[in-house]
Amino acid sequence: MNEECGWNPNWWLEAKASSLDRKRRSSARTALAKPGDAFLIVTEGTVTEPVFFDLLLEDLKLPTVRIKVIPGDASDPRRVISTAGREAEEHVGKAKKNLLGADQPSKFDHVWAVVDTDVATRRQFWNEVMQLAATLNVKLAHSTPCFEYCLLLHKGYTTRTDLVDGDTAKRAVEKELNCKLTDAKSTRRAIVTIIPQWPAAVHHAGNASTHHRDARTREPANPSTEVGHLVRALNDSAPEHRRKNLH
């Protein structure tokens, strides 16, 4: 009788499906990557950053065959960017010559350089860094003063003003984590304790950017990090059931 009067007893199921569909469409509009995309990530550091991304990939269960993380040729952001551009180009060349494995991507959909601004800003070549990245089509995940600020955000939100350089930031992280980041083993032991908090760190990074924008802080703002954009892209590239809700 109810259906004859035009009332649908399953209206709530249709409403729920419609809501989920809107959420999926909204997520697709803001996604920084597609599921299964391939990434090349080149880091300035040879220990801390590679360990962090290795643990992040483990947490997201992303296949390392599609996500390559390597250090740059030298700890200079320009060399890191140049390494990224060269590796991406050489990878395409190998694909054309059928030198890649069957499960390897033919090209990298995203090429990132994870760099610090500390030395580049003090020596006044940060503009050169940004121009080189734009020329080689390499995205920058930069941190000010250094990557260690990104780690601090895993412990909580902060825009503390005493992180005047990379050494100071590293000491702050070591104090917060109660350990020394001296080698791969100790660094992994430290970062594994905070890696579950990476979704919160992404939000903290965004809030720090908003703080500096509202304060009209001169860029690159200290402290700040753009690593959250790369982490969001990696999260977007994961299968839907493994993705964390970062919206």
Protein backbone atom coordinates (compact mmCIF):
# COMPACT_ATOMS: atom_id res chain seq x y z
CA MET A 1 0.00 0.00 0.00
CA ASN A 2 2.79 2.37 0.87
CA GLU A 3 4.50 1.82 -2.49
CA GLU A 4 1.18 2.44 -4.26
CA CYS A 5 0.96 5.81 -2.50
CA GLY A 6 4.41 6.72 -3.79
CA TRP A 7 6.39 6.06 -0.58
CA ASN A 8 9.59 4.05 -1.01
CA PRO A 9 10.46 2.00 2.11
CA ASN A 10 14.08 1.78 0.90
CA TRP A 11 14.55 5.52 0.57
CA TRP A 12 17.36 5.53 3.15
CA LEU A 13 19.39 3.03 1.11
CA GLU A 14 19.11 5.21 -1.97
CA ALA A 15 20.03 8.31 0.04
CA LYS A 16 23.08 6.55 1.48
CA ALA A 17 24.20 5.41 -1.97
CA SER A 18 23.76 8.93 -3.32
CA SER A 19 25.82 10.36 -0.44
CA LEU A 20 28.63 7.87 -1.01
CA ASP A 21 28.62 8.65 -4.72
CA ARG A 22 28.93 12.39 -4.01
CA LYS A 23 31.86 11.71 -1.68
CA ARG A 24 33.59 9.60 -4.33
CA ARG A 25 33.09 12.31 -6.97
CA SER A 26 34.38 14.97 -4.58
CA SER A 27 37.43 12.85 -3.75
CA ALA A 28 38.16 12.28 -7.43
CA ARG A 29 38.05 16.03 -8.10
CA THR A 30 40.63 16.75 -5.41
CA ALA A 31 42.84 13.68 -5.88
CA LEU A 32 46.53 14.33 -6.52
CA ALA A 33 47.07 10.90 -8.08
CA LYS A 34 45.16 7.96 -9.48
CA PRO A 35 45.19 4.46 -7.97
CA GLY A 36 48.21 2.57 -9.28
CA ASP A 37 50.18 5.65 -10.39
CA ALA A 38 53.97 5.29 -10.48
CA PHE A 39 56.22 7.62 -8.48
CA LEU A 40 59.88 8.56 -8.54
CA ILE A 41 60.91 10.18 -5.26
CA VAL A 42 64.45 11.54 -5.00
CA THR A 43 65.60 12.71 -1.57
CA GLU A 44 68.27 15.11 -0.40
CA GLY A 45 69.02 13.01 2.68
CA THR A 46 70.48 9.54 2.35
CA VAL A 47 69.02 8.06 5.55
CA THR A 48 66.12 9.86 7.25
CA GLU A 49 63.96 10.57 4.21
CA PRO A 50 64.38 7.14 2.57
CA VAL A 51 63.58 5.42 5.88
CA PHE A 52 60.48 7.60 6.32
CA PHE A 53 59.12 6.85 2.86
CA ASP A 54 59.91 3.14 3.13
CA LEU A 55 57.85 2.97 6.33
CA LEU A 56 55.07 5.07 4.80
CA LEU A 57 54.86 2.72 1.81
CA GLU A 58 54.70 -0.23 4.20
CA ASP A 59 51.85 1.42 6.12
CA LEU A 60 49.91 2.07 2.91
CA LYS A 61 50.92 -1.33 1.51
CA LEU A 62 52.00 0.31 -1.74
CA PRO A 63 54.10 -1.82 -4.14
CA THR A 64 57.70 -0.65 -4.27
CA VAL A 65 57.92 -1.81 -7.88
CA ARG A 66 55.79 1.24 -8.82
CA ILE A 67 57.32 3.66 -6.31
CA LYS A 68 61.06 4.24 -6.47
CA VAL A 69 62.76 6.12 -3.62
CA ILE A 70 66.41 7.03 -4.08
CA PRO A 71 68.83 9.67 -2.74
CA GLY A 72 70.11 12.38 -5.05
CA ASP A 73 73.66 12.54 -6.37
CA ALA A 74 74.59 15.03 -3.63
CA SER A 75 73.00 16.86 -0.69
CA ASP A 76 72.28 19.94 -2.76
CA PRO A 77 68.67 20.53 -3.86
CA ARG A 78 69.84 21.33 -7.39
CA ARG A 79 71.61 18.00 -7.63
CA VAL A 80 68.56 16.23 -6.22
CA ILE A 81 66.33 17.79 -8.86
CA SER A 82 68.83 16.99 -11.62
CA THR A 83 68.96 13.37 -10.41
CA ALA A 84 65.16 13.18 -10.56
CA GLY A 85 65.02 14.56 -14.09
CA ARG A 86 67.77 12.25 -15.31
CA GLU A 87 66.32 9.12 -13.66
CA ALA A 88 62.87 9.80 -15.11
CA GLU A 89 64.30 10.28 -18.60
CA GLU A 90 66.51 7.19 -18.39
CA HIS A 91 63.55 5.12 -17.22
CA VAL A 92 61.57 6.06 -20.32
CA GLY A 93 64.61 5.17 -22.44
CA LYS A 94 64.81 1.74 -20.84
CA ALA A 95 61.12 1.19 -21.49
CA LYS A 96 61.58 1.97 -25.18
CA LYS A 97 64.42 -0.59 -25.34
CA ASN A 98 62.37 -3.21 -23.45
CA LEU A 99 64.88 -3.23 -20.61
CA LEU A 100 62.33 -3.03 -17.81
CA GLY A 101 60.69 -5.87 -15.94
CA ALA A 102 57.20 -6.93 -16.91
CA ASP A 103 55.75 -5.46 -13.71
CA GLN A 104 57.64 -2.17 -13.93
CA PRO A 105 55.82 0.97 -15.16
CA SER A 106 56.84 2.32 -18.56
CA LYS A 107 57.13 5.81 -17.07
CA PHE A 108 56.76 7.62 -13.78
CA ASP A 109 53.46 9.46 -13.48
CA HIS A 110 54.85 11.66 -10.71
CA VAL A 111 58.43 12.85 -10.20
CA TRP A 112 59.24 14.47 -6.86
CA ALA A 113 62.32 15.95 -5.21
CA VAL A 114 62.33 16.01 -1.40
CA VAL A 115 64.65 18.87 -0.44
CA ASP A 116 65.53 21.29 2.35
CA THR A 117 65.55 25.06 1.98
CA ASP A 118 68.03 25.79 4.77
CA VAL A 119 71.29 26.09 2.84
CA ALA A 120 69.66 27.31 -0.39
CA THR A 121 68.02 30.28 1.32
CA ARG A 122 71.09 31.22 3.35
CA ARG A 123 73.28 31.08 0.25
CA GLN A 124 70.58 32.75 -1.82
CA PHE A 125 70.05 30.21 -4.59
CA TRP A 126 66.51 29.07 -3.68
CA ASN A 127 65.06 30.83 -6.73
CA GLU A 128 67.47 28.84 -8.88
CA VAL A 129 66.20 25.66 -7.22
CA MET A 130 62.57 26.47 -8.04
CA GLN A 131 63.39 27.43 -11.62
CA LEU A 132 65.31 24.20 -12.20
CA ALA A 133 62.42 22.14 -10.82
CA ALA A 134 59.97 23.91 -13.13
CA THR A 135 62.28 23.41 -16.14
CA LEU A 136 62.69 19.66 -15.50
CA ASN A 137 59.02 19.21 -14.53
CA VAL A 138 59.95 17.95 -11.07
CA LYS A 139 57.60 18.65 -8.17
CA LEU A 140 59.16 19.98 -4.97
CA ALA A 141 58.37 18.60 -1.53
CA HIS A 142 60.48 21.11 0.36
CA SER A 143 60.83 21.65 4.09
CA THR A 144 62.04 24.68 6.00
CA PRO A 145 64.51 24.54 7.53
CA CYS A 146 64.73 20.81 6.81
CA PHE A 147 62.87 17.49 6.61
CA GLU A 148 63.10 16.98 10.37
CA TYR A 149 60.33 19.56 10.83
CA CYS A 150 58.04 17.14 9.02
CA LEU A 151 58.91 14.52 11.65
CA LEU A 152 58.12 16.96 14.46
CA LEU A 153 54.61 17.34 13.08
CA HIS A 154 54.01 13.66 13.74
CA LYS A 155 54.23 14.48 17.45
CA GLY A 156 51.87 17.44 17.26
CA TYR A 157 51.19 20.79 15.64
CA THR A 158 53.90 23.43 16.04
CA THR A 159 55.20 26.55 14.36
CA ARG A 160 57.94 27.03 16.95
CA THR A 161 60.30 29.84 16.10
CA ASP A 162 63.58 28.36 17.34
CA LEU A 163 64.24 26.08 14.34
CA VAL A 164 66.72 28.48 12.82
CA ASP A 165 68.60 25.88 10.77
CA GLY A 166 68.83 22.19 9.93
CA ASP A 167 71.10 21.25 12.82
CA THR A 168 68.74 22.88 15.32
CA ALA A 169 65.74 21.08 13.84
CA LYS A 170 67.51 17.73 13.93
CA ARG A 171 68.42 18.19 17.60
CA ALA A 172 64.79 19.11 18.34
CA VAL A 173 63.56 15.90 16.70
CA GLU A 174 66.12 13.77 18.51
CA LYS A 175 65.03 15.30 21.81
CA GLU A 176 61.35 14.75 21.00
CA LEU A 177 61.92 11.13 19.96
CA ASN A 178 64.50 10.53 22.69
CA CYS A 179 67.00 9.00 20.29
CA LYS A 180 69.83 9.83 17.92
CA LEU A 181 69.25 9.75 14.16
CA THR A 182 72.77 8.56 13.47
CA ASP A 183 72.28 5.63 11.10
CA ALA A 184 69.59 3.72 9.21
CA LYS A 185 68.96 1.30 12.06
CA SER A 186 68.46 3.89 14.80
CA THR A 187 66.51 6.16 12.45
CA ARG A 188 64.12 3.37 11.48
CA ARG A 189 63.65 2.43 15.13
CA ALA A 190 62.70 6.04 15.89
CA ILE A 191 60.46 6.76 12.90
CA VAL A 192 58.53 3.48 13.19
CA THR A 193 57.11 4.79 16.48
CA ILE A 194 55.59 7.89 14.85
CA ILE A 195 54.69 6.69 11.35
CA PRO A 196 51.10 5.76 12.37
CA GLN A 197 50.53 9.48 12.99
CA TRP A 198 51.30 10.51 9.39
CA PRO A 199 47.65 11.48 8.62
CA ALA A 200 47.73 13.92 11.56
CA ALA A 201 51.11 15.25 10.38
CA VAL A 202 49.62 16.00 6.96
CA HIS A 203 46.89 18.08 8.60
CA HIS A 204 49.42 19.82 10.83
CA ALA A 205 51.50 20.72 7.76
CA GLY A 206 48.43 22.22 6.11
CA ASN A 207 47.58 24.20 9.23
CA ALA A 208 51.15 25.53 9.39
CA SER A 209 50.86 26.70 5.78
CA THR A 210 47.59 28.45 6.61
CA HIS A 211 49.22 30.07 9.63
CA HIS A 212 52.05 31.48 7.52
CA ARG A 213 49.70 32.59 4.75
CA ASP A 214 47.53 34.49 7.21
CA ALA A 215 50.63 36.00 8.81
CA ARG A 216 52.02 36.84 5.35
CA THR A 217 55.29 35.17 6.25
CA ARG A 218 58.00 35.48 3.64
CA GLU A 219 58.45 32.26 1.66
CA PRO A 220 59.82 29.74 2.19
CA ALA A 221 58.23 30.16 5.61
CA ASN A 222 60.10 28.88 8.64
CA PRO A 223 59.03 26.40 9.84
CA SER A 224 56.95 24.78 7.10
CA THR A 225 56.85 21.72 4.90
CA GLU A 226 55.29 20.74 1.57
CA VAL A 227 55.94 17.04 2.12
CA GLY A 228 52.27 16.67 3.00
CA HIS A 229 51.35 17.18 -0.68
CA LEU A 230 53.53 14.25 -1.69
CA VAL A 231 52.13 12.09 1.10
CA ARG A 232 48.58 12.97 0.01
CA ALA A 233 49.44 11.96 -3.56
CA LEU A 234 50.82 8.62 -2.37
CA ASN A 235 47.67 8.07 -0.33
CA ASP A 236 45.52 8.85 -3.38
CA SER A 237 47.48 6.28 -5.41
CA ALA A 238 46.58 3.48 -3.00
CA PRO A 239 43.55 1.22 -3.54
CA GLU A 240 40.43 2.76 -2.01
CA HIS A 241 40.22 0.23 0.84
CA ARG A 242 43.77 1.08 1.97
CA ARG A 243 43.51 4.85 1.74
CA LYS A 244 43.30 7.01 4.85
CA ASN A 245 40.64 9.71 5.00
CA LEU A 246 42.56 12.98 4.78
CA HIS A 247 39.63 15.25 3.84
